[in-house]
C-alpha atoms as a PDB file:
ATOM      1  CA  ILE A   1     -69.589 -21.769  -6.111  1.00  0.00           C
ATOM      2  CA  LEU A   2     -67.187 -24.126  -7.910  1.00  0.00           C
ATOM      3  CA  ARG A   3     -66.466 -21.427 -10.487  1.00  0.00           C
ATOM      4  CA  CYS A   4     -65.692 -18.923  -7.740  1.00  0.00           C
ATOM      5  CA  LEU A   5     -63.363 -21.390  -6.011  1.00  0.00           C
ATOM      6  CA  VAL A   6     -61.534 -22.170  -9.237  1.00  0.00           C
ATOM      7  CA  GLY A   7     -61.284 -18.464 -10.053  1.00  0.00           C
ATOM      8  CA  SER A   8     -59.936 -17.678  -6.592  1.00  0.00           C
ATOM      9  CA  GLU A   9     -57.347 -20.451  -6.854  1.00  0.00           C
ATOM     10  CA  MET A  10     -56.160 -19.184 -10.255  1.00  0.00           C
ATOM     11  CA  CYS A  11     -55.990 -15.621  -8.938  1.00  0.00           C
ATOM     12  CA  ILE A  12     -53.898 -16.703  -5.925  1.00  0.00           C
ATOM     13  CA  ARG A  13     -51.607 -18.767  -8.156  1.00  0.00           C
ATOM     14  CA  ASP A  14     -51.116 -15.865 -10.580  1.00  0.00           C
ATOM     15  CA  ARG A  15     -50.344 -13.503  -7.712  1.00  0.00           C
ATOM     16  CA  CYS A  16     -47.770 -15.936  -6.336  1.00  0.00           C
ATOM     17  CA  MET A  17     -46.123 -16.250  -9.740  1.00  0.00           C
ATOM     18  CA  ILE A  18     -45.963 -12.466 -10.152  1.00  0.00           C
ATOM     19  CA  SER A  19     -44.596 -12.024  -6.636  1.00  0.00           C
ATOM     20  CA  ALA A  20     -41.904 -14.653  -7.298  1.00  0.00           C
ATOM     21  CA  MET A  21     -40.947 -12.927 -10.547  1.00  0.00           C
ATOM     22  CA  LEU A  22     -40.664  -9.559  -8.806  1.00  0.00           C
ATOM     23  CA  VAL A  23     -38.548 -10.985  -5.995  1.00  0.00           C
ATOM     24  CA  ASN A  24     -36.253 -12.695  -8.513  1.00  0.00           C
ATOM     25  CA  ALA A  25     -35.983  -9.535 -10.641  1.00  0.00           C
ATOM     26  CA  GLN A  26     -34.874  -7.481  -7.640  1.00  0.00           C
ATOM     27  CA  ALA A  27     -32.320 -10.003  -6.380  1.00  0.00           C
ATOM     28  CA  PRO A  28     -28.666  -8.818  -6.404  1.00  0.00           C
ATOM     29  CA  VAL A  29     -26.476 -10.475  -9.046  1.00  0.00           C
ATOM     30  CA  TRP A  30     -22.909 -11.386  -8.046  1.00  0.00           C
ATOM     31  CA  ASN A  31     -20.007 -11.758 -10.451  1.00  0.00           C
ATOM     32  CA  VAL A  32     -16.267 -12.284 -10.687  1.00  0.00           C
ATOM     33  CA  LYS A  33     -14.195 -10.404 -13.272  1.00  0.00           C
ATOM     34  CA  VAL A  34     -10.700 -10.425 -14.691  1.00  0.00           C
ATOM     35  CA  GLY A  35      -9.311  -7.620 -16.817  1.00  0.00           C
ATOM     36  CA  LEU A  36      -6.249  -6.838 -18.906  1.00  0.00           C
ATOM     37  CA  GLY A  37      -5.258  -3.372 -20.020  1.00  0.00           C
ATOM     38  CA  ALA A  38      -2.894  -0.458 -19.719  1.00  0.00           C
ATOM     39  CA  SER A  39      -2.175   2.224 -17.143  1.00  0.00           C
ATOM     40  CA  SER A  40      -0.179   5.437 -17.095  1.00  0.00           C
ATOM     41  CA  TRP A  41       0.199   8.765 -15.308  1.00  0.00           C
ATOM     42  CA  MET A  42      -1.150  12.174 -16.304  1.00  0.00           C
ATOM     43  CA  GLY A  43      -0.047  15.574 -15.079  1.00  0.00           C
ATOM     44  CA  ASP A  44       2.583  18.260 -15.505  1.00  0.00           C
ATOM     45  CA  GLY A  45       5.939  16.755 -16.365  1.00  0.00           C
ATOM     46  CA  PHE A  46       4.500  13.339 -17.198  1.00  0.00           C
ATOM     47  CA  GLY A  47       3.055  13.945 -20.647  1.00  0.00           C
ATOM     48  CA  SER A  48       5.643  11.574 -22.129  1.00  0.00           C
ATOM     49  CA  ALA A  49       5.076   8.785 -19.585  1.00  0.00           C
ATOM     50  CA  LYS A  50       4.664   5.398 -21.233  1.00  0.00           C
ATOM     51  CA  ALA A  51       1.858   2.997 -20.412  1.00  0.00           C
ATOM     52  CA  LEU A  52       2.389  -0.274 -18.581  1.00  0.00           C
ATOM     53  CA  PHE A  53       0.549  -3.522 -19.301  1.00  0.00           C
ATOM     54  CA  ASN A  54      -1.490  -4.255 -16.179  1.00  0.00           C
ATOM     55  CA  GLN A  55      -4.315  -6.400 -14.852  1.00  0.00           C
ATOM     56  CA  ARG A  56      -7.365  -6.370 -12.610  1.00  0.00           C
ATOM     57  CA  ILE A  57      -9.313  -9.064 -10.776  1.00  0.00           C
ATOM     58  CA  GLY A  58     -12.289  -8.675  -8.495  1.00  0.00           C
ATOM     59  CA  VAL A  59     -15.740  -9.569  -7.275  1.00  0.00           C
ATOM     60  CA  GLY A  60     -18.794  -7.375  -7.808  1.00  0.00           C
ATOM     61  CA  VAL A  61     -22.507  -7.126  -7.192  1.00  0.00           C
ATOM     62  CA  ASP A  62     -25.273  -5.525  -9.233  1.00  0.00           C
ATOM     63  CA  ILE A  63     -28.202  -4.362  -7.072  1.00  0.00           C
ATOM     64  CA  PRO A  64     -31.373  -3.537  -9.069  1.00  0.00           C
ATOM     65  CA  LEU A  65     -33.113  -0.298  -8.144  1.00  0.00           C
ATOM     66  CA  THR A  66     -35.642  -0.206 -10.982  1.00  0.00           C
ATOM     67  CA  GLY A  67     -36.095  -2.151 -14.197  1.00  0.00           C
ATOM     68  CA  TRP A  68     -33.579   0.104 -15.923  1.00  0.00           C
ATOM     69  CA  VAL A  69     -31.210   1.291 -13.193  1.00  0.00           C
ATOM     70  CA  SER A  70     -29.010  -0.543 -10.702  1.00  0.00           C
ATOM     71  CA  PHE A  71     -26.224   0.166  -8.226  1.00  0.00           C
ATOM     72  CA  GLN A  72     -22.896  -1.609  -8.704  1.00  0.00           C
ATOM     73  CA  THR A  73     -20.082  -2.060  -6.216  1.00  0.00           C
ATOM     74  CA  GLY A  74     -17.526  -4.676  -5.191  1.00  0.00           C
ATOM     75  CA  LEU A  75     -13.822  -5.055  -4.472  1.00  0.00           C
ATOM     76  CA  ASN A  76     -11.054  -5.139  -7.089  1.00  0.00           C
ATOM     77  CA  TRP A  77      -7.323  -5.798  -7.001  1.00  0.00           C
ATOM     78  CA  THR A  78      -6.050  -3.319  -9.607  1.00  0.00           C
ATOM     79  CA  SER A  79      -2.500  -2.854 -10.866  1.00  0.00           C
ATOM     80  CA  LYS A  80      -1.399   0.565 -12.137  1.00  0.00           C
ATOM     81  CA  GLY A  81       1.768   2.499 -12.839  1.00  0.00           C
ATOM     82  CA  ALA A  82       3.893   4.145 -15.517  1.00  0.00           C
ATOM     83  CA  LYS A  83       7.322   4.186 -17.133  1.00  0.00           C
ATOM     84  CA  TYR A  84       9.204   7.419 -17.759  1.00  0.00           C
ATOM     85  CA  SER A  85      12.648   8.978 -18.142  1.00  0.00           C
ATOM     86  CA  LEU A  86      14.550  11.147 -15.670  1.00  0.00           C
ATOM     87  CA  VAL A  87      17.635  13.312 -16.214  1.00  0.00           C
ATOM     88  CA  ASN A  88      20.810  11.709 -17.569  1.00  0.00           C
ATOM     89  CA  ASP A  89      18.746   9.114 -19.449  1.00  0.00           C
ATOM     90  CA  THR A  90      17.728   7.368 -16.206  1.00  0.00           C
ATOM     91  CA  LYS A  91      14.705   5.083 -16.700  1.00  0.00           C
ATOM     92  CA  GLN A  92      12.154   4.577 -13.967  1.00  0.00           C
ATOM     93  CA  THR A  93       9.301   2.067 -13.843  1.00  0.00           C
ATOM     94  CA  VAL A  94       6.669   2.386 -11.111  1.00  0.00           C
ATOM     95  CA  ASN A  95       4.234  -0.430 -10.289  1.00  0.00           C
ATOM     96  CA  GLN A  96       1.283   0.166  -7.940  1.00  0.00           C
ATOM     97  CA  ASN A  97      -1.295  -2.321  -6.653  1.00  0.00           C
ATOM     98  CA  TYR A  98      -4.540  -1.180  -5.045  1.00  0.00           C
ATOM     99  CA  PHE A  99      -7.640  -2.550  -3.415  1.00  0.00           C
ATOM    100  CA  GLU A 100     -10.443  -0.550  -5.051  1.00  0.00           C
ATOM    101  CA  MET A 101     -14.167  -0.190  -4.409  1.00  0.00           C
ATOM    102  CA  PRO A 102     -16.296   1.081  -7.325  1.00  0.00           C
ATOM    103  CA  LEU A 103     -19.489   3.031  -6.595  1.00  0.00           C
ATOM    104  CA  LEU A 104     -21.431   3.107  -9.856  1.00  0.00           C
ATOM    105  CA  ALA A 105     -24.859   3.837 -11.289  1.00  0.00           C
ATOM    106  CA  ALA A 106     -25.642   1.388 -14.097  1.00  0.00           C
ATOM    107  CA  PHE A 107     -28.172   1.907 -16.869  1.00  0.00           C
ATOM    108  CA  HIS A 108     -29.609  -1.181 -18.591  1.00  0.00           C
ATOM    109  CA  ILE A 109     -30.644  -0.739 -22.212  1.00  0.00           C
ATOM    110  CA  GLY A 110     -33.576  -2.861 -23.355  1.00  0.00           C
ATOM    111  CA  THR A 111     -32.377  -5.723 -25.564  1.00  0.00           C
ATOM    112  CA  PRO A 112     -33.490  -9.236 -26.564  1.00  0.00           C
ATOM    113  CA  LYS A 113     -33.921 -11.944 -23.951  1.00  0.00           C
ATOM    114  CA  ASN A 114     -30.776 -13.126 -22.124  1.00  0.00           C
ATOM    115  CA  PHE A 115     -28.745 -10.185 -23.419  1.00  0.00           C
ATOM    116  CA  ASP A 116     -28.306  -6.642 -22.131  1.00  0.00           C
ATOM    117  CA  VAL A 117     -26.125  -3.597 -22.734  1.00  0.00           C
ATOM    118  CA  ILE A 118     -25.065  -1.870 -19.503  1.00  0.00           C
ATOM    119  CA  ILE A 119     -23.547   1.610 -19.346  1.00  0.00           C
ATOM    120  CA  SER A 120     -22.101   2.467 -15.946  1.00  0.00           C
ATOM    121  CA  GLY A 121     -20.523   5.546 -14.422  1.00  0.00           C
ATOM    122  CA  GLY A 122     -19.555   6.938 -11.054  1.00  0.00           C
ATOM    123  CA  GLY A 123     -16.529   6.927  -8.822  1.00  0.00           C
ATOM    124  CA  TYR A 124     -14.074   4.662  -7.062  1.00  0.00           C
ATOM    125  CA  ILE A 125     -11.936   4.789  -3.951  1.00  0.00           C
ATOM    126  CA  GLY A 126      -8.736   2.818  -3.484  1.00  0.00           C
ATOM    127  CA  CYS A 127      -5.947   2.042  -1.069  1.00  0.00           C
ATOM    128  CA  GLY A 128      -2.398   1.286  -2.224  1.00  0.00           C
ATOM    129  CA  ILE A 129      -1.207  -2.046  -0.802  1.00  0.00           C
ATOM    130  CA  VAL A 130       2.084  -2.949  -2.401  1.00  0.00           C
ATOM    131  CA  GLY A 131       4.249  -1.970  -5.357  1.00  0.00           C
ATOM    132  CA  LYS A 132       7.786  -1.915  -6.719  1.00  0.00           C
ATOM    133  CA  THR A 133       9.737   0.935  -8.299  1.00  0.00           C
ATOM    134  CA  GLU A 134      12.755   0.110 -10.434  1.00  0.00           C
ATOM    135  CA  GLN A 135      15.376   2.597 -11.621  1.00  0.00           C
ATOM    136  CA  LYS A 136      17.996   1.954 -14.291  1.00  0.00           C
ATOM    137  CA  ALA A 137      20.978   4.274 -14.722  1.00  0.00           C
ATOM    138  CA  ASP A 138      23.736   3.109 -17.062  1.00  0.00           C
ATOM    139  CA  ASP A 139      24.372  -0.504 -16.001  1.00  0.00           C
ATOM    140  CA  VAL A 140      23.096  -0.066 -12.444  1.00  0.00           C
ATOM    141  CA  THR A 141      19.596  -1.178 -11.427  1.00  0.00           C
ATOM    142  CA  SER A 142      18.039  -0.405  -8.061  1.00  0.00           C
ATOM    143  CA  SER A 143      14.540  -0.951  -6.650  1.00  0.00           C
ATOM    144  CA  TRP A 144      12.389  -0.139  -3.619  1.00  0.00           C
ATOM    145  CA  GLY A 145       8.796  -0.227  -2.387  1.00  0.00           C
ATOM    146  CA  THR A 146       6.570   2.198  -4.277  1.00  0.00           C
ATOM    147  CA  PHE A 147       4.563   3.319  -1.239  1.00  0.00           C
ATOM    148  CA  ASN A 148       7.599   3.574   1.058  1.00  0.00           C
ATOM    149  CA  ASP A 149      10.376   6.161   1.309  1.00  0.00           C
ATOM    150  CA  ALA A 150      13.723   5.079  -0.148  1.00  0.00           C
ATOM    151  CA  CYS A 151      17.125   6.271   1.075  1.00  0.00           C
ATOM    152  CA  VAL A 152      20.752   5.800   0.103  1.00  0.00           C
ATOM    153  CA  GLY A 153      22.633   6.315   3.315  1.00  0.00           C
ATOM    154  CA  ASP A 154      21.153   9.422   4.853  1.00  0.00           C
ATOM    155  CA  ILE A 155      19.934  10.811   1.516  1.00  0.00           C
ATOM    156  CA  LYS A 156      16.281  10.324   0.580  1.00  0.00           C
ATOM    157  CA  ILE A 157      15.965   9.464  -3.106  1.00  0.00           C
ATOM    158  CA  TRP A 158      12.228   8.680  -3.180  1.00  0.00           C
ATOM    159  CA  ASP A 159       9.130   9.837  -1.316  1.00  0.00           C
ATOM    160  CA  GLY A 160       6.638   7.017  -1.045  1.00  0.00           C
ATOM    161  CA  LEU A 161       3.447   7.545  -3.030  1.00  0.00           C
ATOM    162  CA  ARG A 162       0.229   8.357  -1.206  1.00  0.00           C
ATOM    163  CA  ARG A 163      -1.740   5.195  -0.643  1.00  0.00           C
ATOM    164  CA  PHE A 164      -5.147   6.847  -1.021  1.00  0.00           C
ATOM    165  CA  ASP A 165      -6.556   7.001  -4.532  1.00  0.00           C
ATOM    166  CA  ALA A 166      -9.959   8.091  -5.844  1.00  0.00           C
ATOM    167  CA  GLY A 167     -11.434   9.138  -9.143  1.00  0.00           C
ATOM    168  CA  ILE A 168     -14.019   8.620 -11.855  1.00  0.00           C
ATOM    169  CA  GLN A 169     -14.854   5.240 -13.361  1.00  0.00           C
ATOM    170  CA  ALA A 170     -16.991   4.441 -16.396  1.00  0.00           C
ATOM    171  CA  GLY A 171     -17.613   1.441 -18.587  1.00  0.00           C
ATOM    172  CA  ILE A 172     -19.800  -0.371 -21.071  1.00  0.00           C
ATOM    173  CA  ASN A 173     -20.571  -4.064 -20.774  1.00  0.00           C
ATOM    174  CA  LEU A 174     -22.349  -6.698 -22.835  1.00  0.00           C
ATOM    175  CA  ASP A 175     -24.299  -8.747 -20.318  1.00  0.00           C
ATOM    176  CA  PHE A 176     -25.228 -12.283 -21.368  1.00  0.00           C
ATOM    177  CA  ARG A 177     -27.077 -14.879 -19.330  1.00  0.00           C
ATOM    178  CA  HIS A 178     -23.993 -15.989 -17.389  1.00  0.00           C
ATOM    179  CA  TYR A 179     -21.139 -13.927 -18.830  1.00  0.00           C
ATOM    180  CA  ILE A 180     -20.059 -10.279 -18.986  1.00  0.00           C
ATOM    181  CA  VAL A 181     -17.691  -8.740 -21.541  1.00  0.00           C
ATOM    182  CA  GLY A 182     -16.778  -5.066 -21.527  1.00  0.00           C
ATOM    183  CA  VAL A 183     -14.397  -2.143 -21.327  1.00  0.00           C
ATOM    184  CA  GLU A 184     -13.809  -0.089 -18.176  1.00  0.00           C
ATOM    185  CA  GLY A 185     -11.768   3.068 -17.693  1.00  0.00           C
ATOM    186  CA  GLU A 186     -10.514   5.063 -14.687  1.00  0.00           C
ATOM    187  CA  PHE A 187      -9.536   8.717 -14.403  1.00  0.00           C
ATOM    188  CA  GLY A 188      -7.792   9.503 -11.127  1.00  0.00           C
ATOM    189  CA  LEU A 189      -8.571  12.696  -9.223  1.00  0.00           C
ATOM    190  CA  ALA A 190      -6.250  12.160  -6.249  1.00  0.00           C
ATOM    191  CA  ARG A 191      -2.609  13.188  -6.742  1.00  0.00           C
ATOM    192  CA  MET A 192       0.058  10.656  -5.829  1.00  0.00           C
ATOM    193  CA  TRP A 193       2.091  13.369  -4.112  1.00  0.00           C
ATOM    194  CA  GLU A 194       1.719  17.119  -3.680  1.00  0.00           C
ATOM    195  CA  LYS A 195       1.365  18.669  -7.150  1.00  0.00           C
ATOM    196  CA  GLY A 196       2.136  15.229  -8.558  1.00  0.00           C
ATOM    197  CA  PRO A 197       0.468  13.197 -11.330  1.00  0.00           C
ATOM    198  CA  ARG A 198      -2.738  11.172 -11.254  1.00  0.00           C
ATOM    199  CA  ASN A 199      -3.518   7.608 -12.285  1.00  0.00           C
ATOM    200  CA  LEU A 200      -5.089   6.687 -15.593  1.00  0.00           C
ATOM    201  CA  GLY A 201      -6.155   3.206 -16.675  1.00  0.00           C
ATOM    202  CA  ILE A 202      -8.303   1.241 -19.122  1.00  0.00           C
ATOM    203  CA  PHE A 203      -9.145  -2.473 -18.977  1.00  0.00           C
ATOM    204  CA  ALA A 204     -10.877  -5.022 -21.183  1.00  0.00           C
ATOM    205  CA  THR A 205     -12.821  -7.263 -18.809  1.00  0.00           C
ATOM    206  CA  PHE A 206     -14.438 -10.685 -18.805  1.00  0.00           C
ATOM    207  CA  GLY A 207     -16.702 -11.926 -16.033  1.00  0.00           C
ATOM    208  CA  TYR A 208     -18.964 -14.735 -14.869  1.00  0.00           C
ATOM    209  CA  LYS A 209     -22.303 -14.154 -13.124  1.00  0.00           C
ATOM    210  CA  PHE A 210     -23.614 -16.336 -10.293  1.00  0.00           C
END
């Protein structure tokens, strides 16, 4: 009888330990990230656009689906834009700032304890919040809001960019016990105006996991 009681107690304890491990393994993992990188435009007429140094900051969550696959999302503040030349050697620099939500499938490659390699891919959607466009012609500099129309008198000189943005996002991250280091890239699918260019960006990121 004593042996049966001891065996039952060990069995219950083992089951509790396994259940706790499973619950912990399936718990979402939150993180904060900062990124530095470059952005530009792509499309007809913008092949010579120059990249701008830009940044990203955000909070994310990794939701395990299986031992190898998870779903990642969050909210990022992402800066984008480009620098290019117009006629008569006029220079124009466009800065755009978005709130973005990534929607990614992440694949975890088996590695030693407390270290993982994560390859992610999917899409993102964004909304333009604020930005500044600056134009230099000879010794004259003028500026206006990127997402707003700009006029000189009754003449419109700029059509505000569309605030909606969406595209493809992919990345590879080295996932340590508390830290994340990686590279993430975006390829925009939404045009910024009718028949206009699309956004392009790449960021080196560093994050901390909670």
